[in-house]
Amino acid sequence: MLGYDTVIEQSPYELSILVTINDSYTSRIIEGCNSVSVIILFLSFIVAFSGDLKETILFGLFGALLIYAVNILRIIALTIMYHRFPEYQDILHDLFFPAIIYGLTFMLWVTWVKFFSHLNKKAENG
């Protein structure tokens, strides 16, 4: 869709997906890249600082889906940047792209505490 000839396949050696762009091995996607652990962390936080049951469920569902969608976009962007700028793989993988997923999660937490959690409602009521 973005103009790259991309092939993905299961690794024969480990539980990972191998990504090839334009006949050049570009990256592998392992279990830790699927954002499940970040979604669990996000949901744990909003449950710990819960609000109304309906708000907690809806915000949890919205946040989990948003984190998952942004993570897919993050993986796509990271893979393309690995292909175009292989010399920057370490900084992209270790610093820049984790900041996206964890930054989003942090912003969702702040939004939750500020607008929906009982913790904020208690502070407003004295």
C-alpha atoms as a PDB file:
ATOM      1  CA  MET A   1       0.000   0.000   0.000  1.00  0.00           C
ATOM      2  CA  LEU A   2       2.930   2.344   0.664  1.00  0.00           C
ATOM      3  CA  GLY A   3       4.842   1.301  -2.441  1.00  0.00           C
ATOM      4  CA  TYR A   4       7.166  -1.264  -0.891  1.00  0.00           C
ATOM      5  CA  ASP A   5       7.343  -4.883  -2.036  1.00  0.00           C
ATOM      6  CA  THR A   6       6.921  -6.448   1.400  1.00  0.00           C
ATOM      7  CA  VAL A   7       6.948 -10.097   2.433  1.00  0.00           C
ATOM      8  CA  ILE A   8       6.219 -11.348   5.940  1.00  0.00           C
ATOM      9  CA  GLU A   9       6.799 -14.918   7.054  1.00  0.00           C
ATOM     10  CA  GLN A  10       7.045 -16.958  10.214  1.00  0.00           C
ATOM     11  CA  SER A  11      10.636 -17.513  11.308  1.00  0.00           C
ATOM     12  CA  PRO A  12      11.617 -21.186  11.155  1.00  0.00           C
ATOM     13  CA  TYR A  13      13.910 -20.708  14.175  1.00  0.00           C
ATOM     14  CA  GLU A  14      11.888 -18.743  16.738  1.00  0.00           C
ATOM     15  CA  LEU A  15       8.469 -17.301  17.499  1.00  0.00           C
ATOM     16  CA  SER A  16       8.800 -14.206  15.375  1.00  0.00           C
ATOM     17  CA  ILE A  17       7.709 -12.754  12.058  1.00  0.00           C
ATOM     18  CA  LEU A  18      10.407 -11.865   9.544  1.00  0.00           C
ATOM     19  CA  VAL A  19       9.829  -8.793   7.370  1.00  0.00           C
ATOM     20  CA  THR A  20      11.516  -8.375   4.006  1.00  0.00           C
ATOM     21  CA  ILE A  21      11.240  -5.177   1.948  1.00  0.00           C
ATOM     22  CA  ASN A  22      12.296  -5.146  -1.699  1.00  0.00           C
ATOM     23  CA  ASP A  23      14.019  -8.563  -1.298  1.00  0.00           C
ATOM     24  CA  SER A  24      16.081  -7.276   1.642  1.00  0.00           C
ATOM     25  CA  TYR A  25      15.606  -8.675   5.179  1.00  0.00           C
ATOM     26  CA  THR A  26      14.573  -5.663   7.238  1.00  0.00           C
ATOM     27  CA  SER A  27      13.308  -6.682  10.659  1.00  0.00           C
ATOM     28  CA  ARG A  28      11.750  -9.301  12.861  1.00  0.00           C
ATOM     29  CA  ILE A  29       8.714  -8.789  15.006  1.00  0.00           C
ATOM     30  CA  ILE A  30       8.727 -10.716  18.282  1.00  0.00           C
ATOM     31  CA  GLU A  31       5.994 -11.270  20.859  1.00  0.00           C
ATOM     32  CA  GLY A  32       7.017  -8.207  22.866  1.00  0.00           C
ATOM     33  CA  CYS A  33       6.236  -5.971  19.890  1.00  0.00           C
ATOM     34  CA  ASN A  34       2.515  -6.773  19.883  1.00  0.00           C
ATOM     35  CA  SER A  35       1.631  -4.186  22.575  1.00  0.00           C
ATOM     36  CA  VAL A  36      -0.208  -6.710  24.758  1.00  0.00           C
ATOM     37  CA  SER A  37       2.033  -6.005  27.761  1.00  0.00           C
ATOM     38  CA  VAL A  38       1.522  -2.235  27.344  1.00  0.00           C
ATOM     39  CA  ILE A  39      -2.256  -2.723  27.083  1.00  0.00           C
ATOM     40  CA  ILE A  40      -2.238  -4.823  30.267  1.00  0.00           C
ATOM     41  CA  LEU A  41      -0.216  -2.116  32.023  1.00  0.00           C
ATOM     42  CA  PHE A  42      -2.649   0.566  30.781  1.00  0.00           C
ATOM     43  CA  LEU A  43      -5.722  -1.395  31.896  1.00  0.00           C
ATOM     44  CA  SER A  44      -4.175  -2.155  35.294  1.00  0.00           C
ATOM     45  CA  PHE A  45      -3.652   1.550  35.892  1.00  0.00           C
ATOM     46  CA  ILE A  46      -7.196   2.601  35.022  1.00  0.00           C
ATOM     47  CA  VAL A  47      -8.637  -0.193  37.160  1.00  0.00           C
ATOM     48  CA  ALA A  48      -6.381   0.834  40.067  1.00  0.00           C
ATOM     49  CA  PHE A  49      -7.644   4.415  39.760  1.00  0.00           C
ATOM     50  CA  SER A  50     -11.112   3.426  38.667  1.00  0.00           C
ATOM     51  CA  GLY A  51     -14.027   5.664  37.910  1.00  0.00           C
ATOM     52  CA  ASP A  52     -17.599   4.681  37.215  1.00  0.00           C
ATOM     53  CA  LEU A  53     -17.870   1.117  35.914  1.00  0.00           C
ATOM     54  CA  LYS A  54     -19.238   2.163  32.526  1.00  0.00           C
ATOM     55  CA  GLU A  55     -16.557   4.864  32.070  1.00  0.00           C
ATOM     56  CA  THR A  56     -13.828   2.448  33.152  1.00  0.00           C
ATOM     57  CA  ILE A  57     -14.940  -0.193  30.657  1.00  0.00           C
ATOM     58  CA  LEU A  58     -15.407   2.257  27.780  1.00  0.00           C
ATOM     59  CA  PHE A  59     -12.140   4.118  28.393  1.00  0.00           C
ATOM     60  CA  GLY A  60     -10.314   0.815  28.822  1.00  0.00           C
ATOM     61  CA  LEU A  61     -11.681  -0.480  25.531  1.00  0.00           C
ATOM     62  CA  PHE A  62     -10.990   2.817  23.722  1.00  0.00           C
ATOM     63  CA  GLY A  63      -7.477   3.066  25.152  1.00  0.00           C
ATOM     64  CA  ALA A  64      -6.607  -0.556  24.395  1.00  0.00           C
ATOM     65  CA  LEU A  65      -7.775  -0.220  20.788  1.00  0.00           C
ATOM     66  CA  LEU A  66      -5.926   3.086  20.383  1.00  0.00           C
ATOM     67  CA  ILE A  67      -2.696   1.635  21.800  1.00  0.00           C
ATOM     68  CA  TYR A  68      -3.020  -1.385  19.505  1.00  0.00           C
ATOM     69  CA  ALA A  69      -3.685   0.754  16.402  1.00  0.00           C
ATOM     70  CA  VAL A  70      -0.819   3.158  17.161  1.00  0.00           C
ATOM     71  CA  ASN A  71       1.457   0.183  17.761  1.00  0.00           C
ATOM     72  CA  ILE A  72       0.645  -1.232  14.317  1.00  0.00           C
ATOM     73  CA  LEU A  73       1.460   2.146  12.764  1.00  0.00           C
ATOM     74  CA  ARG A  74       4.632   2.284  14.860  1.00  0.00           C
ATOM     75  CA  ILE A  75       5.750  -1.130  13.584  1.00  0.00           C
ATOM     76  CA  ILE A  76       5.062  -0.109   9.986  1.00  0.00           C
ATOM     77  CA  ALA A  77       7.014   3.138  10.388  1.00  0.00           C
ATOM     78  CA  LEU A  78       9.855   1.416  12.219  1.00  0.00           C
ATOM     79  CA  THR A  79      10.167  -1.247   9.532  1.00  0.00           C
ATOM     80  CA  ILE A  80      10.239   1.338   6.751  1.00  0.00           C
ATOM     81  CA  MET A  81      12.798   3.429   8.617  1.00  0.00           C
ATOM     82  CA  TYR A  82      14.937   0.302   9.185  1.00  0.00           C
ATOM     83  CA  HIS A  83      14.862  -0.238   5.441  1.00  0.00           C
ATOM     84  CA  ARG A  84      15.665   3.365   4.527  1.00  0.00           C
ATOM     85  CA  PHE A  85      18.056   4.231   7.385  1.00  0.00           C
ATOM     86  CA  PRO A  86      19.647   0.992   8.649  1.00  0.00           C
ATOM     87  CA  GLU A  87      22.432   2.909  10.388  1.00  0.00           C
ATOM     88  CA  TYR A  88      19.899   4.325  12.869  1.00  0.00           C
ATOM     89  CA  GLN A  89      18.271   1.030  13.892  1.00  0.00           C
ATOM     90  CA  ASP A  90      19.502   1.123  17.477  1.00  0.00           C
ATOM     91  CA  ILE A  91      18.328   4.650  18.267  1.00  0.00           C
ATOM     92  CA  LEU A  92      15.015   4.106  16.455  1.00  0.00           C
ATOM     93  CA  HIS A  93      14.268   0.838  18.231  1.00  0.00           C
ATOM     94  CA  ASP A  94      15.623   1.654  21.684  1.00  0.00           C
ATOM     95  CA  LEU A  95      14.645   5.323  22.095  1.00  0.00           C
ATOM     96  CA  PHE A  96      12.451   6.987  19.527  1.00  0.00           C
ATOM     97  CA  PHE A  97       9.756   4.425  18.846  1.00  0.00           C
ATOM     98  CA  PRO A  98       9.288   3.239  22.468  1.00  0.00           C
ATOM     99  CA  ALA A  99       8.671   6.891  23.317  1.00  0.00           C
ATOM    100  CA  ILE A 100       5.663   6.811  20.994  1.00  0.00           C
ATOM    101  CA  ILE A 101       3.901   3.855  22.602  1.00  0.00           C
ATOM    102  CA  TYR A 102       4.804   4.722  26.191  1.00  0.00           C
ATOM    103  CA  GLY A 103       4.123   8.423  25.614  1.00  0.00           C
ATOM    104  CA  LEU A 104       0.640   7.591  24.314  1.00  0.00           C
ATOM    105  CA  THR A 105      -0.002   5.343  27.311  1.00  0.00           C
ATOM    106  CA  PHE A 106       1.131   8.073  29.694  1.00  0.00           C
ATOM    107  CA  MET A 107      -1.146  10.648  27.995  1.00  0.00           C
ATOM    108  CA  LEU A 108      -4.076   8.236  28.304  1.00  0.00           C
ATOM    109  CA  TRP A 109      -3.303   7.781  32.016  1.00  0.00           C
ATOM    110  CA  VAL A 110      -3.186  11.524  32.583  1.00  0.00           C
ATOM    111  CA  THR A 111      -6.484  11.932  30.737  1.00  0.00           C
ATOM    112  CA  TRP A 112      -8.012   9.155  32.832  1.00  0.00           C
ATOM    113  CA  VAL A 113      -6.935  10.614  36.173  1.00  0.00           C
ATOM    114  CA  LYS A 114      -7.825  14.186  35.213  1.00  0.00           C
ATOM    115  CA  PHE A 115     -11.292  13.537  33.808  1.00  0.00           C
ATOM    116  CA  PHE A 116     -12.657  10.140  34.814  1.00  0.00           C
ATOM    117  CA  SER A 117     -11.124   8.541  37.929  1.00  0.00           C
ATOM    118  CA  HIS A 118     -12.669   8.723  41.374  1.00  0.00           C
ATOM    119  CA  LEU A 119      -9.310  10.042  42.600  1.00  0.00           C
ATOM    120  CA  ASN A 120      -9.884  13.339  40.784  1.00  0.00           C
ATOM    121  CA  LYS A 121     -13.543  13.488  41.829  1.00  0.00           C
ATOM    122  CA  LYS A 122     -12.548  13.094  45.498  1.00  0.00           C
ATOM    123  CA  ALA A 123     -10.021  15.931  45.168  1.00  0.00           C
ATOM    124  CA  GLU A 124     -12.677  18.200  43.608  1.00  0.00           C
ATOM    125  CA  ASN A 125     -15.157  17.481  46.393  1.00  0.00           C
ATOM    126  CA  GLY A 126     -12.680  18.238  49.113  1.00  0.00           C
END
